[in-house]
Protein backbone atom coordinates (compact mmCIF):
# COMPACT_ATOMS: atom_id res chain seq x y z
CA MET A 1 73.29 100.31 74.59
CA ASN A 2 75.51 103.06 72.90
CA GLU A 3 77.75 102.86 69.78
CA LEU A 4 80.67 102.86 71.74
CA GLU A 5 79.83 99.94 74.21
CA GLU A 6 78.43 98.18 70.59
CA ALA A 7 81.90 98.24 69.55
CA LEU A 8 83.60 97.27 72.35
CA GLU A 9 81.66 94.53 72.56
CA LYS A 10 83.26 93.27 69.62
CA VAL A 11 87.11 93.53 71.16
CA ASN A 12 88.25 91.22 73.92
CA THR A 13 91.22 92.63 73.63
CA ILE A 14 91.14 95.48 75.84
CA GLY A 15 91.57 95.84 79.80
CA ASP A 16 88.82 97.19 81.98
CA SER A 17 91.13 100.32 82.53
CA THR A 18 91.60 101.24 79.35
CA ARG A 19 87.42 100.54 78.32
CA LYS A 20 87.25 103.17 81.25
CA VAL A 21 89.37 105.48 79.73
CA TYR A 22 87.34 105.26 76.33
CA ARG A 23 84.13 105.99 77.95
CA TYR A 24 85.24 108.82 79.32
CA ASN A 25 86.55 109.98 76.11
CA TYR A 26 83.54 109.51 74.60
CA LYS A 27 81.14 111.37 77.17
CA ARG A 28 83.90 114.35 76.40
CA LEU A 29 83.51 113.88 72.29
CA LEU A 30 79.64 114.08 72.46
CA ILE A 31 80.00 117.18 74.58
CA PHE A 32 81.35 118.89 71.85
CA THR A 33 79.52 117.16 68.84
CA ASP A 34 76.34 118.44 71.41
CA GLY A 35 74.85 115.19 71.67
CA GLU A 36 76.02 114.25 67.97
CA PRO A 37 76.75 110.30 67.22
CA VAL A 38 80.09 109.55 65.88
CA LEU A 39 78.49 106.88 63.27
CA ALA A 40 76.00 110.19 61.78
CA MET A 41 78.93 112.19 61.08
CA SER A 42 81.46 112.01 58.20
CA GLN A 43 85.40 112.09 58.92
CA GLU A 44 85.56 116.28 58.49
CA ARG A 45 83.10 116.83 60.54
CA LEU A 46 84.48 115.00 63.61
CA ILE A 47 88.24 116.40 62.83
CA ASN A 48 86.30 119.74 63.23
CA PHE A 49 84.71 118.91 66.25
CA ILE A 50 88.52 117.07 68.05
CA HIS A 51 90.67 119.66 66.77
CA GLN A 52 89.82 122.67 68.13
CA SER A 53 91.93 125.44 69.94
CA GLY A 54 92.15 124.81 73.77
CA ILE A 55 92.39 121.14 73.65
CA PRO A 56 95.61 119.45 74.37
CA PRO A 57 97.18 117.31 71.46
CA GLN A 58 97.11 114.32 73.57
CA SER A 59 93.30 114.94 74.84
CA GLN A 60 92.68 115.10 70.75
CA ASN A 61 93.95 111.91 70.56
CA GLY A 62 92.14 110.07 72.88
CA LEU A 63 89.13 111.74 71.33
CA LEU A 64 89.72 110.61 67.97
CA THR A 65 91.09 107.18 69.22
CA VAL A 66 87.34 106.51 70.25
CA ALA A 67 85.89 107.08 66.98
CA LEU A 68 88.56 105.16 65.36
CA ILE A 69 87.27 102.45 67.22
CA ILE A 70 83.45 102.88 66.29
CA ARG A 71 83.99 103.40 62.56
CA ASN A 72 86.46 100.76 62.12
CA LYS A 73 83.70 97.95 63.95
CA ASN A 74 80.83 99.35 62.10
CA GLY A 75 83.28 98.64 58.92
CA LEU A 76 83.27 102.53 57.89
CA ILE A 77 86.81 103.69 56.12
CA SER A 78 89.06 105.93 58.26
CA ASP A 79 91.89 107.13 56.16
CA LYS A 80 91.19 110.96 56.72
CA LEU A 81 90.94 110.68 60.33
CA ILE A 82 94.33 108.50 60.16
CA LYS A 83 95.86 110.88 57.98
CA PHE A 84 94.63 113.41 60.30
CA ARG A 85 96.08 111.74 63.68
CA ASP A 86 99.87 110.38 61.97
CA ALA A 87 100.35 113.98 60.48
CA LYS A 88 99.09 116.93 61.81
CA LEU A 89 97.81 115.93 65.16
CA TYR A 90 100.47 114.04 66.06
CA ASN A 91 103.35 116.93 64.86
CA ASP A 92 101.09 118.90 67.26
CA LYS A 93 101.49 116.78 69.69
CA ILE A 94 105.29 116.92 69.78
CA ALA A 95 105.39 120.47 70.06
CA TYR A 96 103.10 120.67 72.72
CA LYS A 97 105.27 118.32 74.16
CA ARG A 98 108.28 120.49 73.62
CA ILE A 99 107.17 123.80 75.33
CA LYS A 100 105.78 122.02 78.75
CA ASN A 101 109.11 119.80 78.64
CA VAL A 102 111.30 123.10 78.35
CA GLN A 103 109.20 124.42 81.22
CA LEU A 104 110.57 121.88 83.81
CA LYS A 105 114.07 122.76 82.30
CA ASP A 106 114.92 124.57 85.72
CA GLU A 107 112.37 122.41 87.96
CA LEU A 108 113.21 118.37 87.57
CA PRO A 109 116.53 117.06 89.81
CA ASN A 110 119.40 115.59 88.49
CA LEU A 111 120.74 112.44 88.13
CA ASP A 112 122.55 112.56 91.03
CA ASP A 113 119.90 113.58 93.31
CA LEU A 114 118.07 111.13 91.83
CA GLU A 115 120.61 108.23 92.62
CA LYS A 116 120.92 109.95 96.03
CA TYR A 117 117.17 109.66 96.88
CA THR A 118 117.52 105.54 95.72
CA ARG A 119 120.11 104.90 98.22
CA SER A 120 118.40 106.75 100.98
CA LEU A 121 115.08 104.33 100.11
CA TYR A 122 117.60 100.90 100.87
CA ASN A 123 118.98 102.85 103.85
CA ASN A 124 115.88 103.83 105.78
CA GLY A 125 114.60 100.20 105.33
CA ASP A 126 111.86 101.46 102.73
CA TYR A 127 113.04 98.68 100.26
CA THR A 128 110.31 98.34 97.90
CA GLY A 129 110.77 102.23 97.09
CA TYR A 130 114.83 101.25 96.71
CA ILE A 131 113.44 98.49 93.79
CA ILE A 132 111.34 101.10 92.43
CA ASN A 133 113.34 104.12 92.25
CA TYR A 134 116.20 101.30 91.08
CA LEU A 135 114.47 99.67 88.30
CA MET A 136 113.06 103.17 86.70
CA LEU A 137 116.79 104.39 86.90
CA ARG A 138 118.09 101.89 85.27
CA TYR A 139 115.91 100.59 82.62
CA GLY A 140 113.99 103.61 82.29
CA LEU A 141 110.48 102.05 83.00
CA ARG A 142 106.79 103.05 83.02
CA ASN A 143 104.22 101.93 85.44
CA LYS A 144 102.52 99.28 84.15
CA ASP A 145 106.43 97.43 84.27
CA LEU A 146 106.37 97.91 87.74
CA ASN A 147 103.64 95.77 88.51
CA ILE A 148 105.73 92.86 89.76
CA ILE A 149 106.06 89.35 91.30
CA ILE A 150 108.45 88.05 92.91
CA THR A 151 108.91 84.39 93.00
CA ASN A 152 111.63 81.50 93.51
CA ASN A 153 109.44 79.64 90.97
CA ARG A 154 112.39 79.08 88.27
CA ASP A 155 110.00 77.98 85.83
CA ILE A 156 109.47 81.72 84.76
CA THR A 157 112.61 82.26 83.25
CA SER A 158 112.32 79.53 80.71
CA ILE A 159 111.55 80.70 76.94
CA ARG A 160 108.28 78.65 77.06
CA ASP A 161 106.70 80.32 79.85
CA LYS A 162 103.85 82.46 78.09
CA THR A 163 102.61 84.30 81.20
CA ASN A 164 101.75 87.93 81.05
CA ILE A 165 102.99 88.70 84.29
CA ASN A 166 106.33 90.81 85.51
CA TYR A 167 108.64 88.54 87.56
CA LEU A 168 111.85 89.30 90.24
CA TYR A 169 113.59 86.06 90.23
CA PRO A 170 116.31 85.48 92.58
CA THR A 171 119.43 82.73 91.81
CA LYS A 172 122.08 82.61 94.45
CA ASN A 173 124.08 84.96 92.83
CA TYR A 174 122.05 87.72 90.95
CA ILE A 175 118.10 89.06 89.98
CA VAL A 176 116.68 88.00 87.35
CA TYR A 177 114.18 90.78 85.82
CA ILE A 178 111.59 89.29 83.19
CA ARG A 179 108.84 91.87 81.66
CA ASN A 180 106.06 90.05 79.97
CA ASP A 181 103.48 93.00 80.34
CA TYR A 182 104.37 96.28 79.52
CA LYS A 183 102.94 98.68 76.81
CA THR A 184 105.26 97.64 74.04
CA PHE A 185 105.41 94.24 74.16
CA SER A 186 103.69 93.18 71.09
CA THR A 187 106.33 95.67 69.22
CA TYR A 188 110.07 94.47 71.81
CA GLY A 189 108.56 90.86 73.23
CA LYS A 190 109.59 89.83 76.30
CA GLN A 191 112.15 91.26 78.43
CA LYS A 192 114.83 89.59 80.97
CA HIS A 193 117.74 91.25 81.91
CA ARG A 194 120.04 90.08 84.73
CA VAL A 195 120.45 92.92 87.87
CA GLU A 196 123.79 91.96 89.92
CA LYS A 197 123.67 95.17 92.48
CA ALA A 198 124.35 93.34 95.86
CA LEU A 199 121.93 95.91 97.26
CA PHE A 200 119.38 95.74 95.02
CA TYR A 201 119.67 91.80 95.41
CA ARG A 202 119.09 92.37 99.25
CA ALA A 203 116.02 94.03 98.91
CA VAL A 204 114.40 92.09 96.73
CA MET A 205 114.95 89.00 99.73
CA HIS A 206 113.97 91.69 102.58
CA VAL A 207 110.80 92.34 100.19
CA LEU A 208 110.37 88.19 99.91
CA GLY A 209 110.82 87.73 103.15
CA ASN A 210 110.02 83.51 104.00
CA GLU A 211 107.54 83.26 101.13
CA TYR A 212 107.69 81.74 98.12
CA GLU A 213 106.10 83.83 96.42
CA LYS A 214 104.90 87.85 96.73
CA PRO A 215 103.30 90.96 94.77
CA LEU A 216 106.21 93.80 94.90
CA LEU A 217 103.15 96.14 95.04
CA HIS A 218 100.59 94.58 97.66
CA LEU A 219 97.51 95.72 99.80
CA LYS A 220 97.60 95.33 103.48
CA ASP A 221 96.08 91.78 102.74
CA GLY A 222 98.76 90.82 100.57
CA GLU A 223 96.94 90.90 97.67
CA GLN A 224 98.69 92.55 94.32
CA ILE A 225 96.77 96.26 94.06
CA SER A 226 95.19 96.71 90.90
CA GLU A 227 96.51 97.76 87.67
CA GLU A 228 94.53 101.67 88.29
CA SER A 229 96.48 102.15 91.93
CA LEU A 230 99.99 101.65 90.26
CA SER A 231 100.36 104.77 89.02
CA ASN A 232 99.68 106.37 92.76
CA VAL A 233 101.16 103.99 94.47
CA ILE A 234 104.64 104.24 92.45
CA GLN A 235 104.26 108.19 92.48
CA ARG A 236 104.51 108.53 96.54
CA LYS A 237 107.33 106.30 96.38
CA THR A 238 109.38 108.81 93.59
CA TYR A 239 111.58 111.52 94.51
CA ASN A 240 109.21 114.33 95.43
CA GLY A 241 106.79 112.48 94.42
CA ILE A 242 107.63 113.68 90.60
CA GLY A 243 106.42 110.09 88.86
CA GLU A 244 108.29 108.02 86.14
CA GLY A 245 107.38 110.15 83.28
CA LYS A 246 110.23 113.08 84.73
CA TYR A 247 112.55 110.54 86.00
CA LEU A 248 112.66 109.37 82.41
CA LYS A 249 113.24 113.25 81.79
CA ALA A 250 116.02 114.27 84.37
CA GLN A 251 117.89 111.52 83.14
CA ILE A 252 118.01 112.16 79.55
CA GLN A 253 118.77 116.12 80.33
CA ASP A 254 121.69 114.78 82.39
CA LEU A 255 123.12 112.03 80.00
CA LYS A 256 122.57 114.84 77.37
CA ASN A 257 124.48 117.24 79.08
CA GLN A 258 127.64 114.64 79.58
CA GLY A 259 127.66 113.43 75.78
CA ASN A 260 126.37 109.99 77.25
CA ILE A 261 124.20 109.31 73.75
CA LYS A 262 125.23 105.26 74.51
CA ARG A 263 123.26 105.45 77.48
CA ILE A 264 120.24 107.18 76.15
CA ARG A 265 120.38 104.40 73.42
CA GLU A 266 120.53 101.78 76.34
CA LEU A 267 117.73 103.39 78.14
CA ALA A 268 115.25 103.72 75.12
CA LYS A 269 116.28 99.80 73.75
CA ALA A 270 115.46 99.15 78.00
CA ARG A 271 112.09 101.03 77.64
CA GLY A 272 110.96 98.99 74.73
CA THR A 273 110.83 102.82 73.23
CA ASP A 274 112.38 104.01 70.04
CA ILE A 275 115.15 106.20 70.35
CA LYS A 276 113.23 108.90 67.87
CA ILE A 277 110.56 109.38 70.36
CA ILE A 278 112.52 109.01 73.35
CA PHE A 279 114.22 112.85 71.93
CA ASP A 280 110.64 114.21 71.01
CA GLU A 281 108.85 113.60 73.68
CA TYR A 282 111.53 113.34 76.60
CA ASP A 283 114.37 115.74 75.46
CA ILE A 284 113.71 119.16 77.94
CA ASP A 285 116.08 121.42 75.69
CA ASP A 286 114.76 123.56 73.89
């Protein structure tokens, strides 16, 4: 068992998909260190290996995360690594994203295009696609937020419900959208939204049909798709296959042009993201 696996043995809050990412990044890190393990190196040497030109800041962050897990689970101080992450690497990452975002300026659709596309999905009978796109545009969602169960179980609307599942619950006149499983849940907590749009209501009822409970995204046998498949499935449902990140960037660009900062703040709150991060990572103006 290598040093990463030993460290992961001490953590029971990391999902299988995240562990796969850590293992992939650990293998990459060993390539850069020529096989020398993390525990054999000083913080300075680790930073030198990780902070190489040609490695995008986001990839450097993945390598650094693995090093921190290994050191922390072995009781080693990581103050210099953390300082590097929070100062130099964070600023590099933002600068890199800004460059990439500006390159998108003339490629992204406008908000009107996205809204027309969403309506066309409903008109063409793709109710699942309509639900995905409507929720993404209204709440600025990530892929994980759309791993949803549609249910007639009213208990999930109770504050006593402690499940880590996202739900759509149809009342007589509107839909309750509950998010218990999203990236920043530990910071922002349970999010509960009331969706009153008639088309959305009808789309949800079309997908649910006569069943008591059903996953929004499911396999042919009715089983909910895996978390690993979410990104690909949702991307195929988006406008020109651009995916959720570009949806948010397109919205931010359009809303900034309108001077509608209030709506940007609403999106940030609904997404569960600090407004500063929205402007740092999703603003495409130079």
